[in-house]
N, C-alpha and C. Protein backbone atom coordinates (compact mmCIF):
# COMPACT_ATOMS: atom_id res chain seq x y z
N MET A 1 -9.34 2.84 -9.25
CA MET A 1 -9.85 3.76 -10.24
C MET A 1 -8.66 4.32 -11.03
N ALA A 2 -8.69 4.14 -12.31
CA ALA A 2 -7.57 4.55 -13.16
C ALA A 2 -7.37 6.06 -13.14
N GLU A 3 -8.44 6.81 -13.12
CA GLU A 3 -8.32 8.26 -13.16
C GLU A 3 -7.61 8.79 -11.92
N LEU A 4 -7.96 8.29 -10.75
CA LEU A 4 -7.30 8.73 -9.51
C LEU A 4 -5.82 8.39 -9.53
N SER A 5 -5.50 7.21 -10.00
CA SER A 5 -4.07 6.83 -10.02
C SER A 5 -3.30 7.69 -11.01
N THR A 6 -3.92 8.04 -12.11
CA THR A 6 -3.26 8.91 -13.10
C THR A 6 -3.04 10.30 -12.53
N LEU A 7 -4.02 10.82 -11.82
CA LEU A 7 -3.89 12.15 -11.23
C LEU A 7 -2.88 12.14 -10.07
N ALA A 8 -2.83 11.06 -9.32
CA ALA A 8 -1.96 10.98 -8.14
C ALA A 8 -0.50 10.73 -8.50
N ARG A 9 -0.26 10.09 -9.63
CA ARG A 9 1.11 9.66 -9.99
C ARG A 9 2.15 10.78 -9.95
N PRO A 10 1.93 11.94 -10.58
CA PRO A 10 2.98 12.97 -10.54
C PRO A 10 3.26 13.48 -9.13
N TYR A 11 2.24 13.55 -8.29
CA TYR A 11 2.44 14.01 -6.91
C TYR A 11 3.22 12.96 -6.11
N ALA A 12 2.89 11.69 -6.32
CA ALA A 12 3.61 10.62 -5.62
C ALA A 12 5.08 10.59 -6.05
N LYS A 13 5.31 10.75 -7.34
CA LYS A 13 6.70 10.76 -7.84
C LYS A 13 7.47 11.95 -7.30
N ALA A 14 6.83 13.12 -7.27
CA ALA A 14 7.51 14.32 -6.75
C ALA A 14 7.84 14.15 -5.27
N ALA A 15 6.89 13.64 -4.51
CA ALA A 15 7.14 13.42 -3.08
C ALA A 15 8.25 12.39 -2.89
N PHE A 16 8.22 11.34 -3.70
CA PHE A 16 9.24 10.29 -3.59
C PHE A 16 10.63 10.85 -3.92
N GLU A 17 10.73 11.59 -5.00
CA GLU A 17 12.03 12.14 -5.39
C GLU A 17 12.57 13.10 -4.33
N TYR A 18 11.69 13.92 -3.77
CA TYR A 18 12.12 14.85 -2.72
C TYR A 18 12.59 14.05 -1.49
N ALA A 19 11.79 13.09 -1.06
CA ALA A 19 12.12 12.29 0.12
C ALA A 19 13.40 11.50 -0.09
N ASP A 20 13.58 10.98 -1.30
CA ASP A 20 14.78 10.20 -1.61
C ASP A 20 16.03 11.08 -1.56
N GLN A 21 15.95 12.25 -2.15
CA GLN A 21 17.09 13.18 -2.14
C GLN A 21 17.40 13.65 -0.72
N ALA A 22 16.39 13.82 0.10
CA ALA A 22 16.58 14.28 1.47
C ALA A 22 16.94 13.12 2.41
N GLY A 23 16.90 11.89 1.90
CA GLY A 23 17.19 10.72 2.73
C GLY A 23 16.12 10.48 3.79
N GLN A 24 14.88 10.79 3.44
CA GLN A 24 13.79 10.68 4.41
C GLN A 24 12.64 9.82 3.88
N LEU A 25 12.96 8.74 3.20
CA LEU A 25 11.90 7.90 2.63
C LEU A 25 10.94 7.37 3.69
N GLN A 26 11.48 6.87 4.80
CA GLN A 26 10.61 6.29 5.82
C GLN A 26 9.74 7.36 6.48
N GLY A 27 10.33 8.51 6.76
CA GLY A 27 9.56 9.59 7.37
C GLY A 27 8.41 10.05 6.48
N TRP A 28 8.69 10.21 5.19
CA TRP A 28 7.64 10.60 4.25
C TRP A 28 6.61 9.49 4.10
N SER A 29 7.07 8.26 4.11
CA SER A 29 6.15 7.13 4.02
C SER A 29 5.16 7.16 5.18
N ASP A 30 5.69 7.36 6.38
CA ASP A 30 4.83 7.41 7.56
C ASP A 30 3.86 8.59 7.50
N SER A 31 4.38 9.76 7.12
CA SER A 31 3.54 10.96 7.05
C SER A 31 2.43 10.81 6.02
N LEU A 32 2.78 10.30 4.85
CA LEU A 32 1.76 10.12 3.80
C LEU A 32 0.74 9.07 4.19
N ALA A 33 1.18 8.03 4.89
CA ALA A 33 0.24 6.99 5.33
C ALA A 33 -0.77 7.58 6.31
N ILE A 34 -0.30 8.41 7.23
CA ILE A 34 -1.21 9.03 8.20
C ILE A 34 -2.14 10.01 7.49
N ALA A 35 -1.59 10.87 6.65
CA ALA A 35 -2.42 11.84 5.93
C ALA A 35 -3.43 11.14 5.03
N GLY A 36 -3.00 10.05 4.38
CA GLY A 36 -3.91 9.29 3.52
C GLY A 36 -5.03 8.65 4.32
N ALA A 37 -4.69 8.11 5.50
CA ALA A 37 -5.71 7.49 6.35
C ALA A 37 -6.70 8.54 6.84
N VAL A 38 -6.20 9.71 7.20
CA VAL A 38 -7.08 10.79 7.65
C VAL A 38 -8.00 11.22 6.50
N ALA A 39 -7.45 11.34 5.31
CA ALA A 39 -8.24 11.78 4.15
C ALA A 39 -9.32 10.78 3.75
N GLU A 40 -9.22 9.54 4.22
CA GLU A 40 -10.23 8.53 3.90
C GLU A 40 -11.38 8.50 4.91
N GLN A 41 -11.24 9.21 6.02
CA GLN A 41 -12.30 9.23 7.03
C GLN A 41 -13.54 9.93 6.47
N PRO A 42 -14.72 9.40 6.74
CA PRO A 42 -15.95 9.96 6.15
C PRO A 42 -16.13 11.46 6.38
N ASN A 43 -15.86 11.95 7.58
CA ASN A 43 -16.03 13.38 7.84
C ASN A 43 -15.05 14.22 7.04
N VAL A 44 -13.83 13.70 6.88
CA VAL A 44 -12.82 14.44 6.12
C VAL A 44 -13.15 14.39 4.64
N VAL A 45 -13.66 13.27 4.16
CA VAL A 45 -14.08 13.18 2.75
C VAL A 45 -15.14 14.24 2.46
N LYS A 46 -16.09 14.40 3.38
CA LYS A 46 -17.13 15.43 3.21
C LYS A 46 -16.50 16.82 3.20
N LEU A 47 -15.55 17.05 4.11
CA LEU A 47 -14.88 18.34 4.19
C LEU A 47 -14.15 18.66 2.88
N LEU A 48 -13.44 17.67 2.34
CA LEU A 48 -12.67 17.90 1.12
C LEU A 48 -13.56 18.09 -0.11
N ALA A 49 -14.77 17.56 -0.05
CA ALA A 49 -15.71 17.71 -1.17
C ALA A 49 -16.57 18.96 -1.04
N SER A 50 -16.54 19.57 0.13
CA SER A 50 -17.41 20.72 0.39
C SER A 50 -16.89 21.99 -0.27
N PRO A 51 -17.73 22.68 -1.01
CA PRO A 51 -17.32 23.94 -1.64
C PRO A 51 -17.32 25.12 -0.65
N THR A 52 -17.82 24.89 0.56
CA THR A 52 -17.90 26.00 1.52
C THR A 52 -16.56 26.30 2.17
N TYR A 53 -15.61 25.39 2.07
CA TYR A 53 -14.28 25.61 2.64
C TYR A 53 -13.28 25.90 1.53
N THR A 54 -12.41 26.86 1.78
CA THR A 54 -11.36 27.16 0.80
C THR A 54 -10.31 26.05 0.85
N ALA A 55 -9.48 26.02 -0.16
CA ALA A 55 -8.41 25.03 -0.22
C ALA A 55 -7.47 25.18 0.97
N LYS A 56 -7.18 26.41 1.34
CA LYS A 56 -6.29 26.65 2.49
C LYS A 56 -6.93 26.16 3.78
N GLN A 57 -8.23 26.36 3.94
CA GLN A 57 -8.92 25.89 5.14
C GLN A 57 -8.90 24.37 5.21
N GLN A 58 -9.11 23.72 4.06
CA GLN A 58 -9.08 22.26 4.04
C GLN A 58 -7.71 21.74 4.43
N ALA A 59 -6.66 22.35 3.87
CA ALA A 59 -5.29 21.94 4.19
C ALA A 59 -5.00 22.18 5.67
N ALA A 60 -5.47 23.32 6.20
CA ALA A 60 -5.23 23.63 7.61
C ALA A 60 -5.88 22.60 8.52
N VAL A 61 -7.07 22.17 8.17
CA VAL A 61 -7.76 21.15 8.98
C VAL A 61 -6.98 19.83 8.93
N LEU A 62 -6.53 19.45 7.75
CA LEU A 62 -5.75 18.21 7.63
C LEU A 62 -4.46 18.30 8.43
N VAL A 63 -3.77 19.41 8.35
CA VAL A 63 -2.52 19.59 9.10
C VAL A 63 -2.79 19.51 10.59
N GLU A 64 -3.89 20.12 11.01
CA GLU A 64 -4.23 20.10 12.44
C GLU A 64 -4.54 18.68 12.92
N ILE A 65 -5.28 17.93 12.12
CA ILE A 65 -5.62 16.55 12.49
C ILE A 65 -4.37 15.68 12.53
N CYS A 66 -3.50 15.83 11.54
CA CYS A 66 -2.28 15.01 11.48
C CYS A 66 -1.28 15.40 12.57
N GLY A 67 -1.32 16.64 13.00
CA GLY A 67 -0.47 17.09 14.09
C GLY A 67 1.02 16.95 13.80
N ASP A 68 1.74 16.39 14.76
CA ASP A 68 3.19 16.27 14.66
C ASP A 68 3.64 15.21 13.66
N ALA A 69 2.70 14.46 13.11
CA ALA A 69 3.07 13.42 12.14
C ALA A 69 3.59 14.03 10.84
N LEU A 70 3.28 15.30 10.60
CA LEU A 70 3.72 15.97 9.38
C LEU A 70 4.87 16.93 9.68
N SER A 71 5.93 16.79 8.93
CA SER A 71 7.05 17.74 9.02
C SER A 71 6.65 19.02 8.30
N ALA A 72 7.53 20.02 8.35
CA ALA A 72 7.25 21.26 7.63
C ALA A 72 7.14 20.99 6.14
N ALA A 73 8.01 20.11 5.62
CA ALA A 73 7.95 19.77 4.20
C ALA A 73 6.63 19.05 3.87
N GLY A 74 6.18 18.19 4.78
CA GLY A 74 4.90 17.50 4.59
C GLY A 74 3.74 18.47 4.59
N GLN A 75 3.80 19.47 5.45
CA GLN A 75 2.76 20.49 5.48
C GLN A 75 2.76 21.31 4.19
N ASN A 76 3.95 21.59 3.68
CA ASN A 76 4.05 22.31 2.41
C ASN A 76 3.48 21.47 1.27
N PHE A 77 3.72 20.16 1.33
CA PHE A 77 3.18 19.26 0.31
C PHE A 77 1.66 19.32 0.32
N LEU A 78 1.06 19.31 1.52
CA LEU A 78 -0.40 19.41 1.61
C LEU A 78 -0.88 20.76 1.08
N ALA A 79 -0.11 21.81 1.32
CA ALA A 79 -0.50 23.13 0.80
C ALA A 79 -0.50 23.13 -0.73
N VAL A 80 0.50 22.48 -1.32
CA VAL A 80 0.55 22.39 -2.79
C VAL A 80 -0.64 21.59 -3.31
N LEU A 81 -0.92 20.47 -2.65
CA LEU A 81 -2.08 19.67 -3.06
C LEU A 81 -3.37 20.47 -2.95
N SER A 82 -3.49 21.24 -1.89
CA SER A 82 -4.73 22.01 -1.71
C SER A 82 -4.86 23.11 -2.77
N GLU A 83 -3.74 23.74 -3.14
CA GLU A 83 -3.79 24.77 -4.19
C GLU A 83 -4.33 24.21 -5.50
N HIS A 84 -4.02 22.94 -5.76
CA HIS A 84 -4.46 22.31 -7.00
C HIS A 84 -5.73 21.47 -6.81
N ARG A 85 -6.34 21.62 -5.63
CA ARG A 85 -7.58 20.89 -5.29
C ARG A 85 -7.38 19.38 -5.44
N ARG A 86 -6.28 18.86 -4.88
CA ARG A 86 -5.96 17.45 -5.01
C ARG A 86 -5.82 16.74 -3.65
N LEU A 87 -6.31 17.33 -2.58
CA LEU A 87 -6.19 16.71 -1.26
C LEU A 87 -6.89 15.35 -1.19
N GLN A 88 -7.96 15.19 -1.96
CA GLN A 88 -8.69 13.92 -1.95
C GLN A 88 -7.85 12.77 -2.54
N LEU A 89 -6.74 13.11 -3.19
CA LEU A 89 -5.86 12.09 -3.77
C LEU A 89 -4.86 11.51 -2.77
N LEU A 90 -4.83 12.04 -1.55
CA LEU A 90 -3.82 11.61 -0.57
C LEU A 90 -3.74 10.09 -0.37
N PRO A 91 -4.86 9.36 -0.23
CA PRO A 91 -4.73 7.91 -0.07
C PRO A 91 -4.04 7.24 -1.26
N GLU A 92 -4.37 7.67 -2.47
CA GLU A 92 -3.75 7.09 -3.67
C GLU A 92 -2.29 7.52 -3.78
N ILE A 93 -1.99 8.76 -3.43
CA ILE A 93 -0.60 9.22 -3.44
C ILE A 93 0.23 8.38 -2.47
N SER A 94 -0.33 8.11 -1.30
CA SER A 94 0.37 7.29 -0.31
C SER A 94 0.63 5.88 -0.85
N ARG A 95 -0.37 5.28 -1.49
CA ARG A 95 -0.21 3.93 -2.04
C ARG A 95 0.88 3.92 -3.13
N GLN A 96 0.86 4.90 -4.01
CA GLN A 96 1.86 4.94 -5.08
C GLN A 96 3.25 5.24 -4.53
N PHE A 97 3.33 6.06 -3.50
CA PHE A 97 4.61 6.34 -2.85
C PHE A 97 5.19 5.03 -2.29
N GLU A 98 4.35 4.23 -1.66
CA GLU A 98 4.80 2.95 -1.09
C GLU A 98 5.31 2.00 -2.18
N ILE A 99 4.67 2.01 -3.32
CA ILE A 99 5.12 1.16 -4.43
C ILE A 99 6.49 1.63 -4.91
N LEU A 100 6.65 2.93 -5.07
CA LEU A 100 7.95 3.47 -5.48
C LEU A 100 9.03 3.15 -4.45
N LYS A 101 8.69 3.27 -3.18
CA LYS A 101 9.64 2.99 -2.10
C LYS A 101 10.02 1.51 -2.10
N ALA A 102 9.04 0.64 -2.27
CA ALA A 102 9.32 -0.80 -2.30
C ALA A 102 10.21 -1.16 -3.49
N ASN A 103 9.96 -0.53 -4.64
CA ASN A 103 10.79 -0.79 -5.81
C ASN A 103 12.22 -0.32 -5.58
N ARG A 104 12.38 0.81 -4.94
CA ARG A 104 13.72 1.33 -4.65
C ARG A 104 14.45 0.40 -3.67
N GLU A 105 13.73 -0.06 -2.68
CA GLU A 105 14.33 -0.92 -1.66
C GLU A 105 14.39 -2.37 -2.10
N LYS A 106 13.88 -2.63 -3.29
CA LYS A 106 13.81 -4.00 -3.80
C LYS A 106 13.14 -4.92 -2.78
N ALA A 107 11.99 -4.48 -2.30
CA ALA A 107 11.22 -5.24 -1.33
C ALA A 107 9.82 -5.46 -1.86
N ILE A 108 9.19 -6.52 -1.38
CA ILE A 108 7.81 -6.80 -1.79
C ILE A 108 7.07 -7.40 -0.60
N ASP A 109 5.82 -7.01 -0.45
CA ASP A 109 4.97 -7.57 0.59
C ASP A 109 4.33 -8.84 0.05
N VAL A 110 4.44 -9.90 0.81
CA VAL A 110 3.90 -11.19 0.40
C VAL A 110 2.94 -11.66 1.48
N GLU A 111 1.75 -12.09 1.05
CA GLU A 111 0.78 -12.65 1.97
C GLU A 111 0.70 -14.15 1.71
N VAL A 112 0.90 -14.91 2.77
CA VAL A 112 0.81 -16.37 2.68
C VAL A 112 -0.41 -16.79 3.49
N ILE A 113 -1.34 -17.46 2.83
CA ILE A 113 -2.53 -17.97 3.49
C ILE A 113 -2.40 -19.48 3.49
N SER A 114 -2.26 -20.05 4.67
CA SER A 114 -2.03 -21.50 4.74
C SER A 114 -3.14 -22.20 5.51
N ALA A 115 -3.26 -23.49 5.27
CA ALA A 115 -4.28 -24.29 5.92
C ALA A 115 -3.85 -24.66 7.35
N GLN A 116 -2.53 -24.69 7.59
CA GLN A 116 -2.00 -25.03 8.91
C GLN A 116 -0.96 -23.99 9.29
N LEU A 117 -0.71 -23.88 10.59
CA LEU A 117 0.32 -22.97 11.06
C LEU A 117 1.67 -23.39 10.51
N LEU A 118 2.44 -22.43 10.04
CA LEU A 118 3.78 -22.71 9.54
C LEU A 118 4.78 -22.51 10.67
N THR A 119 5.72 -23.42 10.78
CA THR A 119 6.76 -23.27 11.79
C THR A 119 7.69 -22.12 11.36
N ASP A 120 8.49 -21.66 12.30
CA ASP A 120 9.44 -20.59 11.97
C ASP A 120 10.40 -21.05 10.89
N ASP A 121 10.81 -22.31 10.93
CA ASP A 121 11.72 -22.84 9.92
C ASP A 121 11.06 -22.87 8.54
N GLN A 122 9.80 -23.29 8.49
CA GLN A 122 9.07 -23.31 7.22
C GLN A 122 8.89 -21.90 6.67
N GLN A 123 8.58 -20.95 7.54
CA GLN A 123 8.43 -19.57 7.11
C GLN A 123 9.74 -19.03 6.55
N GLN A 124 10.85 -19.35 7.21
CA GLN A 124 12.15 -18.88 6.74
C GLN A 124 12.51 -19.50 5.40
N GLN A 125 12.25 -20.80 5.23
CA GLN A 125 12.53 -21.48 3.96
C GLN A 125 11.68 -20.87 2.84
N LEU A 126 10.41 -20.64 3.13
CA LEU A 126 9.51 -20.05 2.13
C LEU A 126 9.95 -18.64 1.79
N SER A 127 10.31 -17.86 2.79
CA SER A 127 10.78 -16.50 2.56
C SER A 127 12.04 -16.48 1.71
N ASP A 128 12.98 -17.38 2.01
CA ASP A 128 14.23 -17.46 1.24
C ASP A 128 13.96 -17.85 -0.21
N ALA A 129 13.06 -18.83 -0.40
CA ALA A 129 12.74 -19.29 -1.76
C ALA A 129 12.05 -18.17 -2.55
N LEU A 130 11.10 -17.48 -1.92
CA LEU A 130 10.41 -16.38 -2.61
C LEU A 130 11.36 -15.23 -2.90
N SER A 131 12.24 -14.95 -1.98
CA SER A 131 13.22 -13.88 -2.17
C SER A 131 14.11 -14.17 -3.38
N ALA A 132 14.54 -15.43 -3.50
CA ALA A 132 15.37 -15.81 -4.64
C ALA A 132 14.57 -15.76 -5.95
N LYS A 133 13.35 -16.24 -5.90
CA LYS A 133 12.49 -16.28 -7.10
C LYS A 133 12.11 -14.87 -7.57
N LEU A 134 11.75 -14.01 -6.62
CA LEU A 134 11.27 -12.67 -6.97
C LEU A 134 12.40 -11.64 -7.04
N GLU A 135 13.58 -12.04 -6.64
CA GLU A 135 14.77 -11.17 -6.62
C GLU A 135 14.50 -9.89 -5.85
N ARG A 136 13.85 -10.04 -4.71
CA ARG A 136 13.52 -8.92 -3.83
C ARG A 136 13.54 -9.40 -2.39
N LYS A 137 13.68 -8.43 -1.48
CA LYS A 137 13.53 -8.73 -0.06
C LYS A 137 12.04 -8.96 0.17
N VAL A 138 11.71 -10.01 0.90
CA VAL A 138 10.32 -10.39 1.10
C VAL A 138 9.89 -10.00 2.51
N ASN A 139 8.80 -9.23 2.58
CA ASN A 139 8.14 -8.92 3.86
C ASN A 139 6.90 -9.79 3.92
N MET A 140 6.98 -10.88 4.69
CA MET A 140 5.95 -11.90 4.64
C MET A 140 4.98 -11.79 5.81
N GLN A 141 3.70 -11.88 5.49
CA GLN A 141 2.62 -11.96 6.48
C GLN A 141 1.95 -13.31 6.29
N VAL A 142 1.80 -14.06 7.37
CA VAL A 142 1.20 -15.39 7.29
C VAL A 142 -0.15 -15.35 7.98
N ARG A 143 -1.14 -15.94 7.30
CA ARG A 143 -2.50 -15.99 7.82
C ARG A 143 -3.00 -17.41 7.72
N LEU A 144 -3.82 -17.83 8.66
CA LEU A 144 -4.36 -19.18 8.69
C LEU A 144 -5.78 -19.17 8.11
N ASP A 145 -6.08 -20.16 7.23
CA ASP A 145 -7.41 -20.31 6.67
C ASP A 145 -7.68 -21.80 6.53
N LYS A 146 -8.43 -22.34 7.48
CA LYS A 146 -8.67 -23.79 7.52
C LYS A 146 -9.54 -24.28 6.36
N SER A 147 -10.21 -23.36 5.66
CA SER A 147 -11.07 -23.76 4.54
C SER A 147 -10.25 -24.21 3.32
N LEU A 148 -8.93 -23.98 3.34
CA LEU A 148 -8.10 -24.39 2.21
C LEU A 148 -7.88 -25.90 2.16
N LEU A 149 -8.17 -26.60 3.24
CA LEU A 149 -8.00 -28.05 3.37
C LEU A 149 -6.53 -28.44 3.55
N GLY A 150 -5.65 -27.86 2.80
CA GLY A 150 -4.22 -28.14 2.89
C GLY A 150 -3.48 -27.24 1.91
N GLY A 151 -2.17 -27.13 2.09
CA GLY A 151 -1.37 -26.31 1.20
C GLY A 151 -1.45 -24.84 1.57
N ALA A 152 -1.15 -23.97 0.58
CA ALA A 152 -1.13 -22.53 0.84
C ALA A 152 -1.39 -21.76 -0.44
N VAL A 153 -1.82 -20.51 -0.26
CA VAL A 153 -1.98 -19.56 -1.36
C VAL A 153 -1.03 -18.40 -1.05
N ILE A 154 -0.22 -18.04 -2.04
CA ILE A 154 0.77 -16.98 -1.85
C ILE A 154 0.44 -15.84 -2.80
N ARG A 155 0.33 -14.63 -2.22
CA ARG A 155 0.05 -13.44 -3.02
C ARG A 155 1.22 -12.48 -2.87
N ALA A 156 1.85 -12.16 -3.99
CA ALA A 156 2.97 -11.21 -4.01
C ALA A 156 2.70 -10.21 -5.12
N GLY A 157 2.14 -9.07 -4.75
CA GLY A 157 1.77 -8.08 -5.76
C GLY A 157 0.67 -8.63 -6.65
N ASP A 158 0.91 -8.66 -7.95
CA ASP A 158 -0.06 -9.19 -8.90
C ASP A 158 0.05 -10.70 -9.08
N THR A 159 1.08 -11.30 -8.50
CA THR A 159 1.32 -12.73 -8.66
C THR A 159 0.60 -13.51 -7.56
N VAL A 160 -0.13 -14.55 -7.98
CA VAL A 160 -0.81 -15.43 -7.03
C VAL A 160 -0.38 -16.85 -7.34
N ILE A 161 0.14 -17.53 -6.32
CA ILE A 161 0.53 -18.94 -6.45
C ILE A 161 -0.44 -19.73 -5.59
N ASP A 162 -1.29 -20.50 -6.24
CA ASP A 162 -2.29 -21.28 -5.51
C ASP A 162 -1.80 -22.72 -5.38
N GLY A 163 -1.22 -23.03 -4.24
CA GLY A 163 -0.75 -24.39 -3.97
C GLY A 163 -1.65 -25.09 -2.97
N SER A 164 -2.90 -24.61 -2.86
CA SER A 164 -3.83 -25.22 -1.91
C SER A 164 -4.49 -26.45 -2.52
N ILE A 165 -4.94 -27.31 -1.68
CA ILE A 165 -5.65 -28.51 -2.15
C ILE A 165 -6.95 -28.10 -2.82
N ARG A 166 -7.62 -27.10 -2.24
CA ARG A 166 -8.86 -26.61 -2.84
C ARG A 166 -8.60 -26.11 -4.27
N GLY A 167 -7.52 -25.37 -4.47
CA GLY A 167 -7.17 -24.86 -5.80
C GLY A 167 -6.85 -25.98 -6.76
N ARG A 168 -6.13 -26.98 -6.28
CA ARG A 168 -5.79 -28.12 -7.14
C ARG A 168 -7.03 -28.90 -7.54
N LEU A 169 -7.96 -29.08 -6.59
CA LEU A 169 -9.21 -29.78 -6.90
C LEU A 169 -10.04 -28.99 -7.91
N ALA A 170 -10.05 -27.68 -7.78
CA ALA A 170 -10.79 -26.85 -8.73
C ALA A 170 -10.19 -26.98 -10.13
N LYS A 171 -8.86 -26.99 -10.22
CA LYS A 171 -8.20 -27.16 -11.52
C LYS A 171 -8.52 -28.53 -12.12
N LEU A 172 -8.51 -29.55 -11.26
CA LEU A 172 -8.83 -30.91 -11.73
C LEU A 172 -10.27 -30.97 -12.24
N ALA A 173 -11.21 -30.41 -11.51
CA ALA A 173 -12.61 -30.41 -11.93
C ALA A 173 -12.77 -29.65 -13.25
N GLU A 174 -12.05 -28.55 -13.39
CA GLU A 174 -12.13 -27.76 -14.62
C GLU A 174 -11.60 -28.57 -15.80
N SER A 175 -10.51 -29.28 -15.60
CA SER A 175 -9.93 -30.06 -16.71
C SER A 175 -10.83 -31.24 -17.06
N LEU A 176 -11.52 -31.81 -16.09
CA LEU A 176 -12.43 -32.92 -16.35
C LEU A 176 -13.67 -32.46 -17.10
N HIS A 177 -14.12 -31.24 -16.88
CA HIS A 177 -15.32 -30.72 -17.53
C HIS A 177 -15.06 -30.16 -18.91
N SER A 178 -13.80 -29.96 -19.25
CA SER A 178 -13.52 -29.37 -20.57
C SER A 178 -13.23 -30.39 -21.61
């Protein structure tokens, strides 16, 4: 949703800049991920949408649920969000924080869906090739999907490389029909 991402962006940037200056990117990443996951739970969504609870009460409940996962600075961040009635943005803030963190670290998450299990050597070669091509450190997750028939599909952010046999056959059929 474009509106949520627009509203969440300044909070994610502020949290990122604070965490970066404090040298606590990973700690903030973990805290925001937990707070974002909690804020997505159905009961918490109802709580955050309920007009019967004050902003401070909502923040207090979130802090209590998150427990020790939130530092004092993280608790203050939730207090600021609650003052502006933006606690429901926590999942989006967490996602945008992760994007900023990945850009800073020059890292990218890559999902490889292959028709057959890849050996460790094949995974390393693929990781090295993608790292050189994307000019980033590659965090690769490999998944098996026998319906591909052969080859692999690689997803890196918005980029999709379809090297599967199924994809090639679809392209061939499309070119024959046009």
